PDB file of all heavy atoms in Angstrom:
ATOM      1  N   ASP A   1      94.261 104.930 108.136  1.00  0.00           N
ATOM      2  CA  ASP A   1      94.943 103.710 108.542  1.00  0.00           C
ATOM      3  C   ASP A   1      94.812 102.674 107.420  1.00  0.00           C
ATOM      4  O   ASP A   1      93.720 102.172 107.157  1.00  0.00           O
ATOM      5  CB  ASP A   1      94.315 103.175 109.834  1.00  0.00           C
ATOM      6  CG  ASP A   1      95.123 102.031 110.438  1.00  0.00           C
ATOM      7  OD1 ASP A   1      95.950 101.441 109.717  1.00  0.00           O
ATOM      8  OD2 ASP A   1      94.916 101.726 111.627  1.00  0.00           O
ATOM      9  N   LEU A   2      95.928 102.367 106.770  1.00  0.00           N
ATOM     10  CA  LEU A   2      95.933 101.433 105.636  1.00  0.00           C
ATOM     11  C   LEU A   2      96.641 100.121 105.971  1.00  0.00           C
ATOM     12  O   LEU A   2      96.916  99.318 105.084  1.00  0.00           O
ATOM     13  CB  LEU A   2      96.616 102.085 104.432  1.00  0.00           C
ATOM     14  CG  LEU A   2      95.935 103.346 103.874  1.00  0.00           C
ATOM     15  CD1 LEU A   2      96.858 104.041 102.884  1.00  0.00           C
ATOM     16  CD2 LEU A   2      94.616 103.003 103.207  1.00  0.00           C
ATOM     17  N   ARG A   3      96.912  99.889 107.248  1.00  0.00           N
ATOM     18  CA  ARG A   3      97.714  98.718 107.620  1.00  0.00           C
ATOM     19  C   ARG A   3      97.074  97.396 107.212  1.00  0.00           C
ATOM     20  O   ARG A   3      97.779  96.442 106.896  1.00  0.00           O
ATOM     21  CB  ARG A   3      97.964  98.726 109.138  1.00  0.00           C
ATOM     22  CG  ARG A   3      98.947  99.807 109.588  1.00  0.00           C
ATOM     23  CD  ARG A   3      99.082  99.837 111.085  1.00  0.00           C
ATOM     24  NE  ARG A   3      97.820 100.224 111.719  1.00  0.00           N
ATOM     25  CZ  ARG A   3      97.611 100.231 113.044  1.00  0.00           C
ATOM     26  NH1 ARG A   3      98.594  99.849 113.856  1.00  0.00           N
ATOM     27  NH2 ARG A   3      96.455 100.613 113.539  1.00  0.00           N
ATOM     28  N   GLU A   4      95.747  97.335 107.224  1.00  0.00           N
ATOM     29  CA  GLU A   4      95.072  96.087 106.867  1.00  0.00           C
ATOM     30  C   GLU A   4      94.357  96.182 105.522  1.00  0.00           C
ATOM     31  O   GLU A   4      93.578  95.301 105.165  1.00  0.00           O
ATOM     32  CB  GLU A   4      94.070  95.705 107.958  1.00  0.00           C
ATOM     33  CG  GLU A   4      94.699  95.409 109.312  1.00  0.00           C
ATOM     34  CD  GLU A   4      93.675  94.939 110.325  1.00  0.00           C
ATOM     35  OE1 GLU A   4      93.009  93.918 110.078  1.00  0.00           O
ATOM     36  OE2 GLU A   4      93.518  95.617 111.356  1.00  0.00           O
ATOM     37  N   THR A   5      94.625  97.237 104.781  1.00  0.00           N
ATOM     38  CA  THR A   5      94.020  97.398 103.468  1.00  0.00           C
ATOM     39  C   THR A   5      94.745  96.509 102.454  1.00  0.00           C
ATOM     40  O   THR A   5      95.955  96.302 102.543  1.00  0.00           O
ATOM     41  CB  THR A   5      94.080  98.867 103.023  1.00  0.00           C
ATOM     42  OG1 THR A   5      93.495  99.685 104.046  1.00  0.00           O
ATOM     43  CG2 THR A   5      93.322  99.087 101.729  1.00  0.00           C
ATOM     44  N   ILE A   6      94.005  96.001 101.490  1.00  0.00           N
ATOM     45  CA  ILE A   6      94.578  95.096 100.492  1.00  0.00           C
ATOM     46  C   ILE A   6      94.644  95.811  99.139  1.00  0.00           C
ATOM     47  O   ILE A   6      93.628  96.312  98.639  1.00  0.00           O
ATOM     48  CB  ILE A   6      93.726  93.823 100.359  1.00  0.00           C
ATOM     49  CG1 ILE A   6      93.649  93.094 101.708  1.00  0.00           C
ATOM     50  CG2 ILE A   6      94.290  92.904  99.279  1.00  0.00           C
ATOM     51  CD1 ILE A   6      92.565  92.031 101.758  1.00  0.00           C
ATOM     52  N   PHE A   7      95.852  95.887  98.564  1.00  0.00           N
ATOM     53  CA  PHE A   7      96.049  96.446  97.228  1.00  0.00           C
ATOM     54  C   PHE A   7      96.628  95.346  96.343  1.00  0.00           C
ATOM     55  O   PHE A   7      97.693  94.799  96.636  1.00  0.00           O
ATOM     56  CB  PHE A   7      97.008  97.633  97.262  1.00  0.00           C
ATOM     57  CG  PHE A   7      96.470  98.861  97.954  1.00  0.00           C
ATOM     58  CD1 PHE A   7      96.759  99.101  99.294  1.00  0.00           C
ATOM     59  CD2 PHE A   7      95.666  99.764  97.269  1.00  0.00           C
ATOM     60  CE1 PHE A   7      96.274 100.235  99.934  1.00  0.00           C
ATOM     61  CE2 PHE A   7      95.175 100.897  97.897  1.00  0.00           C
ATOM     62  CZ  PHE A   7      95.473 101.136  99.241  1.00  0.00           C
ATOM     63  N   GLN A   8      95.928  95.028  95.256  1.00  0.00           N
ATOM     64  CA  GLN A   8      96.394  93.996  94.334  1.00  0.00           C
ATOM     65  C   GLN A   8      96.282  94.487  92.896  1.00  0.00           C
ATOM     66  O   GLN A   8      95.232  94.967  92.479  1.00  0.00           O
ATOM     67  CB  GLN A   8      95.561  92.716  94.493  1.00  0.00           C
ATOM     68  CG  GLN A   8      95.747  92.017  95.832  1.00  0.00           C
ATOM     69  CD  GLN A   8      94.914  90.758  95.953  1.00  0.00           C
ATOM     70  OE1 GLN A   8      93.981  90.533  95.183  1.00  0.00           O
ATOM     71  NE2 GLN A   8      95.228  89.929  96.930  1.00  0.00           N
ATOM     72  N   ASN A   9      97.394  94.391  92.159  1.00  0.00           N
ATOM     73  CA  ASN A   9      97.413  94.758  90.743  1.00  0.00           C
ATOM     74  C   ASN A   9      96.895  96.181  90.525  1.00  0.00           C
ATOM     75  O   ASN A   9      96.063  96.432  89.655  1.00  0.00           O
ATOM     76  CB  ASN A   9      96.572  93.769  89.925  1.00  0.00           C
ATOM     77  CG  ASN A   9      96.827  93.892  88.430  1.00  0.00           C
ATOM     78  OD1 ASN A   9      97.937  94.233  88.011  1.00  0.00           O
ATOM     79  ND2 ASN A   9      95.797  93.646  87.626  1.00  0.00           N
ATOM     80  N   CYS A  10      97.397  97.112  91.332  1.00  0.00           N
ATOM     81  CA  CYS A  10      96.970  98.511  91.224  1.00  0.00           C
ATOM     82  C   CYS A  10      98.097  99.374  90.672  1.00  0.00           C
ATOM     83  O   CYS A  10      99.285  99.049  90.794  1.00  0.00           O
ATOM     84  CB  CYS A  10      96.547  99.047  92.587  1.00  0.00           C
ATOM     85  SG  CYS A  10      95.007  98.340  93.218  1.00  0.00           S
ATOM     86  N   GLY A  11      97.715 100.484  90.058  1.00  0.00           N
ATOM     87  CA  GLY A  11      98.669 101.478  89.607  1.00  0.00           C
ATOM     88  C   GLY A  11      98.417 102.773  90.351  1.00  0.00           C
ATOM     89  O   GLY A  11      97.261 103.190  90.505  1.00  0.00           O
ATOM     90  N   PHE A  12      99.479 103.416  90.835  1.00  0.00           N
ATOM     91  CA  PHE A  12      99.363 104.643  91.610  1.00  0.00           C
ATOM     92  C   PHE A  12     100.055 105.768  90.847  1.00  0.00           C
ATOM     93  O   PHE A  12     101.260 105.715  90.615  1.00  0.00           O
ATOM     94  CB  PHE A  12     100.014 104.475  92.978  1.00  0.00           C
ATOM     95  CG  PHE A  12      99.435 103.358  93.814  1.00  0.00           C
ATOM     96  CD1 PHE A  12      99.798 102.037  93.586  1.00  0.00           C
ATOM     97  CD2 PHE A  12      98.534 103.632  94.836  1.00  0.00           C
ATOM     98  CE1 PHE A  12      99.280 101.006  94.358  1.00  0.00           C
ATOM     99  CE2 PHE A  12      98.003 102.616  95.615  1.00  0.00           C
ATOM    100  CZ  PHE A  12      98.375 101.293  95.374  1.00  0.00           C
ATOM    101  N   GLU A  13      99.299 106.783  90.449  1.00  0.00           N
ATOM    102  CA  GLU A  13      99.872 107.908  89.706  1.00  0.00           C
ATOM    103  C   GLU A  13      99.444 109.221  90.358  1.00  0.00           C
ATOM    104  O   GLU A  13      98.250 109.521  90.449  1.00  0.00           O
ATOM    105  CB  GLU A  13      99.427 107.881  88.251  1.00  0.00           C
ATOM    106  CG  GLU A  13     100.058 108.986  87.415  1.00  0.00           C
ATOM    107  CD  GLU A  13      99.722 108.875  85.934  1.00  0.00           C
ATOM    108  OE1 GLU A  13      99.272 107.796  85.499  1.00  0.00           O
ATOM    109  OE2 GLU A  13      99.906 109.874  85.215  1.00  0.00           O
ATOM    110  N   GLY A  14     100.413 109.976  90.845  1.00  0.00           N
ATOM    111  CA  GLY A  14     100.099 111.250  91.488  1.00  0.00           C
ATOM    112  C   GLY A  14      99.375 111.085  92.808  1.00  0.00           C
ATOM    113  O   GLY A  14      98.653 111.985  93.240  1.00  0.00           O
ATOM    114  N   VAL A  15      99.576 109.956  93.488  1.00  0.00           N
ATOM    115  CA  VAL A  15      98.887 109.679  94.751  1.00  0.00           C
ATOM    116  C   VAL A  15      99.676 110.272  95.917  1.00  0.00           C
ATOM    117  O   VAL A  15     100.912 110.268  95.925  1.00  0.00           O
ATOM    118  CB  VAL A  15      98.700 108.154  94.948  1.00  0.00           C
ATOM    119  CG1 VAL A  15      98.107 107.839  96.322  1.00  0.00           C
ATOM    120  CG2 VAL A  15      97.817 107.596  93.842  1.00  0.00           C
ATOM    121  N   ASP A  16      98.962 110.783  96.912  1.00  0.00           N
ATOM    122  CA  ASP A  16      99.573 111.371  98.103  1.00  0.00           C
ATOM    123  C   ASP A  16      99.087 110.602  99.334  1.00  0.00           C
ATOM    124  O   ASP A  16      97.881 110.520  99.576  1.00  0.00           O
ATOM    125  CB  ASP A  16      99.171 112.845  98.200  1.00  0.00           C
ATOM    126  CG  ASP A  16      99.892 113.581  99.330  1.00  0.00           C
ATOM    127  OD1 ASP A  16     100.605 112.938 100.120  1.00  0.00           O
ATOM    128  OD2 ASP A  16      99.721 114.815  99.423  1.00  0.00           O
ATOM    129  N   PHE A  17     100.026 110.020 100.087  1.00  0.00           N
ATOM    130  CA  PHE A  17      99.673 109.267 101.297  1.00  0.00           C
ATOM    131  C   PHE A  17      99.921 110.127 102.545  1.00  0.00           C
ATOM    132  O   PHE A  17     100.499 109.681 103.527  1.00  0.00           O
ATOM    133  CB  PHE A  17     100.500 107.982 101.375  1.00  0.00           C
ATOM    134  CG  PHE A  17     100.116 106.938 100.366  1.00  0.00           C
ATOM    135  CD1 PHE A  17     100.828 106.793  99.182  1.00  0.00           C
ATOM    136  CD2 PHE A  17      99.051 106.090 100.598  1.00  0.00           C
ATOM    137  CE1 PHE A  17     100.487 105.819  98.250  1.00  0.00           C
ATOM    138  CE2 PHE A  17      98.684 105.116  99.674  1.00  0.00           C
ATOM    139  CZ  PHE A  17      99.410 104.986  98.502  1.00  0.00           C
ATOM    140  N   ASP A  18      99.469 111.327 102.538  1.00  0.00           N
ATOM    141  CA  ASP A  18      99.745 112.314 103.570  1.00  0.00           C
ATOM    142  C   ASP A  18      99.323 111.846 104.974  1.00  0.00           C
ATOM    143  O   ASP A  18      98.144 111.617 105.238  1.00  0.00           O
ATOM    144  CB  ASP A  18      99.010 113.616 103.211  1.00  0.00           C
ATOM    145  CG  ASP A  18      99.307 114.730 104.172  1.00  0.00           C
ATOM    146  OD1 ASP A  18     100.485 114.949 104.482  1.00  0.00           O
ATOM    147  OD2 ASP A  18      98.349 115.384 104.625  1.00  0.00           O
ATOM    148  N   TYR A  19     100.282 111.732 105.865  1.00  0.00           N
ATOM    149  CA  TYR A  19     100.038 111.361 107.269  1.00  0.00           C
ATOM    150  C   TYR A  19      99.232 110.068 107.416  1.00  0.00           C
ATOM    151  O   TYR A  19      98.491 109.901 108.385  1.00  0.00           O
ATOM    152  CB  TYR A  19      99.323 112.498 108.011  1.00  0.00           C
ATOM    153  CG  TYR A  19     100.236 113.642 108.358  1.00  0.00           C
ATOM    154  CD1 TYR A  19     100.252 114.800 107.584  1.00  0.00           C
ATOM    155  CD2 TYR A  19     101.090 113.572 109.457  1.00  0.00           C
ATOM    156  CE1 TYR A  19     101.098 115.862 107.897  1.00  0.00           C
ATOM    157  CE2 TYR A  19     101.937 114.627 109.770  1.00  0.00           C
ATOM    158  CZ  TYR A  19     101.926 115.770 108.998  1.00  0.00           C
ATOM    159  OH  TYR A  19     102.765 116.813 109.302  1.00  0.00           O
ATOM    160  N   SER A  20      99.348 109.162 106.477  1.00  0.00           N
ATOM    161  CA  SER A  20      98.627 107.889 106.569  1.00  0.00           C
ATOM    162  C   SER A  20      99.539 106.798 107.119  1.00  0.00           C
ATOM    163  O   SER A  20     100.762 106.899 107.072  1.00  0.00           O
ATOM    164  CB  SER A  20      98.071 107.488 105.201  1.00  0.00           C
ATOM    165  OG  SER A  20      97.001 108.341 104.836  1.00  0.00           O
ATOM    166  N   ASP A  21      98.933 105.752 107.649  1.00  0.00           N
ATOM    167  CA  ASP A  21      99.667 104.668 108.292  1.00  0.00           C
ATOM    168  C   ASP A  21      99.765 103.472 107.342  1.00  0.00           C
ATOM    169  O   ASP A  21      98.770 102.798 107.072  1.00  0.00           O
ATOM    170  CB  ASP A  21      98.947 104.257 109.583  1.00  0.00           C
ATOM    171  CG  ASP A  21      99.810 103.361 110.464  1.00  0.00           C
ATOM    172  OD1 ASP A  21     100.800 102.808 109.954  1.00  0.00           O
ATOM    173  OD2 ASP A  21      99.483 103.214 111.659  1.00  0.00           O
ATOM    174  N   LEU A  22     100.965 103.229 106.808  1.00  0.00           N
ATOM    175  CA  LEU A  22     101.194 102.134 105.874  1.00  0.00           C
ATOM    176  C   LEU A  22     102.070 101.047 106.496  1.00  0.00           C
ATOM    177  O   LEU A  22     102.638 100.208 105.803  1.00  0.00           O
ATOM    178  CB  LEU A  22     101.870 102.649 104.599  1.00  0.00           C
ATOM    179  CG  LEU A  22     101.028 103.392 103.559  1.00  0.00           C
ATOM    180  CD1 LEU A  22     100.572 104.740 104.062  1.00  0.00           C
ATOM    181  CD2 LEU A  22     101.817 103.578 102.274  1.00  0.00           C
ATOM    182  N   ARG A  23     102.189 101.030 107.798  1.00  0.00           N
ATOM    183  CA  ARG A  23     103.083 100.072 108.461  1.00  0.00           C
ATOM    184  C   ARG A  23     102.697  98.627 108.143  1.00  0.00           C
ATOM    185  O   ARG A  23     101.554  98.228 108.318  1.00  0.00           O
ATOM    186  CB  ARG A  23     103.064 100.292 109.973  1.00  0.00           C
ATOM    187  CG  ARG A  23     103.759 101.583 110.414  1.00  0.00           C
ATOM    188  CD  ARG A  23     103.648 101.779 111.906  1.00  0.00           C
ATOM    189  NE  ARG A  23     102.254 102.004 112.300  1.00  0.00           N
ATOM    190  CZ  ARG A  23     101.830 102.071 113.568  1.00  0.00           C
ATOM    191  NH1 ARG A  23     102.691 101.899 114.561  1.00  0.00           N
ATOM    192  NH2 ARG A  23     100.564 102.283 113.829  1.00  0.00           N
ATOM    193  N   GLY A  24     103.672  97.899 107.629  1.00  0.00           N
ATOM    194  CA  GLY A  24     103.454  96.492 107.319  1.00  0.00           C
ATOM    195  C   GLY A  24     102.617  96.238 106.085  1.00  0.00           C
ATOM    196  O   GLY A  24     102.316  95.086 105.761  1.00  0.00           O
ATOM    197  N   LEU A  25     102.253  97.278 105.347  1.00  0.00           N
ATOM    198  CA  LEU A  25     101.395  97.139 104.172  1.00  0.00           C
ATOM    199  C   LEU A  25     102.157  96.484 103.018  1.00  0.00           C
ATOM    200  O   LEU A  25     103.304  96.827 102.735  1.00  0.00           O
ATOM    201  CB  LEU A  25     100.871  98.504 103.740  1.00  0.00           C
ATOM    202  CG  LEU A  25      99.942  98.548 102.532  1.00  0.00           C
ATOM    203  CD1 LEU A  25      98.638  97.809 102.820  1.00  0.00           C
ATOM    204  CD2 LEU A  25      99.642 100.005 102.146  1.00  0.00           C
ATOM    205  N   CYS A  26     101.510  95.556 102.333  1.00  0.00           N
ATOM    206  CA  CYS A  26     102.123  94.892 101.177  1.00  0.00           C
ATOM    207  C   CYS A  26     101.710  95.606  99.895  1.00  0.00           C
ATOM    208  O   CYS A  26     100.529  95.639  99.537  1.00  0.00           O
ATOM    209  CB  CYS A  26     101.695  93.434 101.118  1.00  0.00           C
ATOM    210  SG  CYS A  26     102.386  92.545  99.689  1.00  0.00           S
ATOM    211  N   LEU A  27     102.710  96.182  99.208  1.00  0.00           N
ATOM    212  CA  LEU A  27     102.487  96.869  97.936  1.00  0.00           C
ATOM    213  C   LEU A  27     103.358  96.248  96.842  1.00  0.00           C
ATOM    214  O   LEU A  27     103.736  96.910  95.880  1.00  0.00           O
ATOM    215  CB  LEU A  27     102.791  98.368  98.092  1.00  0.00           C
ATOM    216  CG  LEU A  27     101.851  99.123  99.048  1.00  0.00           C
ATOM    217  CD1 LEU A  27     102.408 100.509  99.374  1.00  0.00           C
ATOM    218  CD2 LEU A  27     100.456  99.249  98.455  1.00  0.00           C
ATOM    219  N   ASP A  28     103.620  94.985  96.980  1.00  0.00           N
ATOM    220  CA  ASP A  28     104.510  94.279  96.057  1.00  0.00           C
ATOM    221  C   ASP A  28     103.958  94.271  94.629  1.00  0.00           C
ATOM    222  O   ASP A  28     102.739  94.230  94.407  1.00  0.00           O
ATOM    223  CB  ASP A  28     104.697  92.824  96.510  1.00  0.00           C
ATOM    224  CG  ASP A  28     105.392  92.709  97.861  1.00  0.00           C
ATOM    225  OD1 ASP A  28     105.917  93.729  98.338  1.00  0.00           O
ATOM    226  OD2 ASP A  28     105.394  91.591  98.421  1.00  0.00           O
ATOM    227  N   ASP A  29     104.884  94.319  93.663  1.00  0.00           N
ATOM    228  CA  ASP A  29     104.582  94.109  92.241  1.00  0.00           C
ATOM    229  C   ASP A  29     103.616  95.143  91.659  1.00  0.00           C
ATOM    230  O   ASP A  29     102.948  94.871  90.658  1.00  0.00           O
ATOM    231  CB  ASP A  29     104.017  92.701  92.018  1.00  0.00           C
ATOM    232  CG  ASP A  29     104.967  91.613  92.491  1.00  0.00           C
ATOM    233  OD1 ASP A  29     106.153  91.662  92.126  1.00  0.00           O
ATOM    234  OD2 ASP A  29     104.519  90.721  93.235  1.00  0.00           O
ATOM    235  N   GLN A  30     103.548  96.327  92.259  1.00  0.00           N
ATOM    236  CA  GLN A  30     102.648  97.356  91.732  1.00  0.00           C
ATOM    237  C   GLN A  30     103.452  98.560  91.265  1.00  0.00           C
ATOM    238  O   GLN A  30     104.650  98.671  91.525  1.00  0.00           O
ATOM    239  CB  GLN A  30     101.605  97.714  92.794  1.00  0.00           C
ATOM    240  CG  GLN A  30     100.721  96.492  93.084  1.00  0.00           C
ATOM    241  CD  GLN A  30      99.726  96.689  94.212  1.00  0.00           C
ATOM    242  OE1 GLN A  30      98.645  97.217  94.009  1.00  0.00           O
ATOM    243  NE2 GLN A  30     100.077  96.234  95.408  1.00  0.00           N
ATOM    244  N   THR A  31     102.803  99.455  90.540  1.00  0.00           N
ATOM    245  CA  THR A  31     103.502 100.560  89.889  1.00  0.00           C
ATOM    246  C   THR A  31     103.166 101.889  90.560  1.00  0.00           C
ATOM    247  O   THR A  31     101.995 102.197  90.815  1.00  0.00           O
ATOM    248  CB  THR A  31     103.124 100.625  88.401  1.00  0.00           C
ATOM    249  OG1 THR A  31     103.439  99.374  87.777  1.00  0.00           O
ATOM    250  CG2 THR A  31     103.887 101.744  87.692  1.00  0.00           C
TER     251      THR A  31
END
């Protein structure tokens, strides 16, 4: 469950969000 997780200035390479909950998650301005 990542709904309340905070990601700031992160880079994602080869990441798999398998069956995870990203509803409403802010991933703005990231790569």
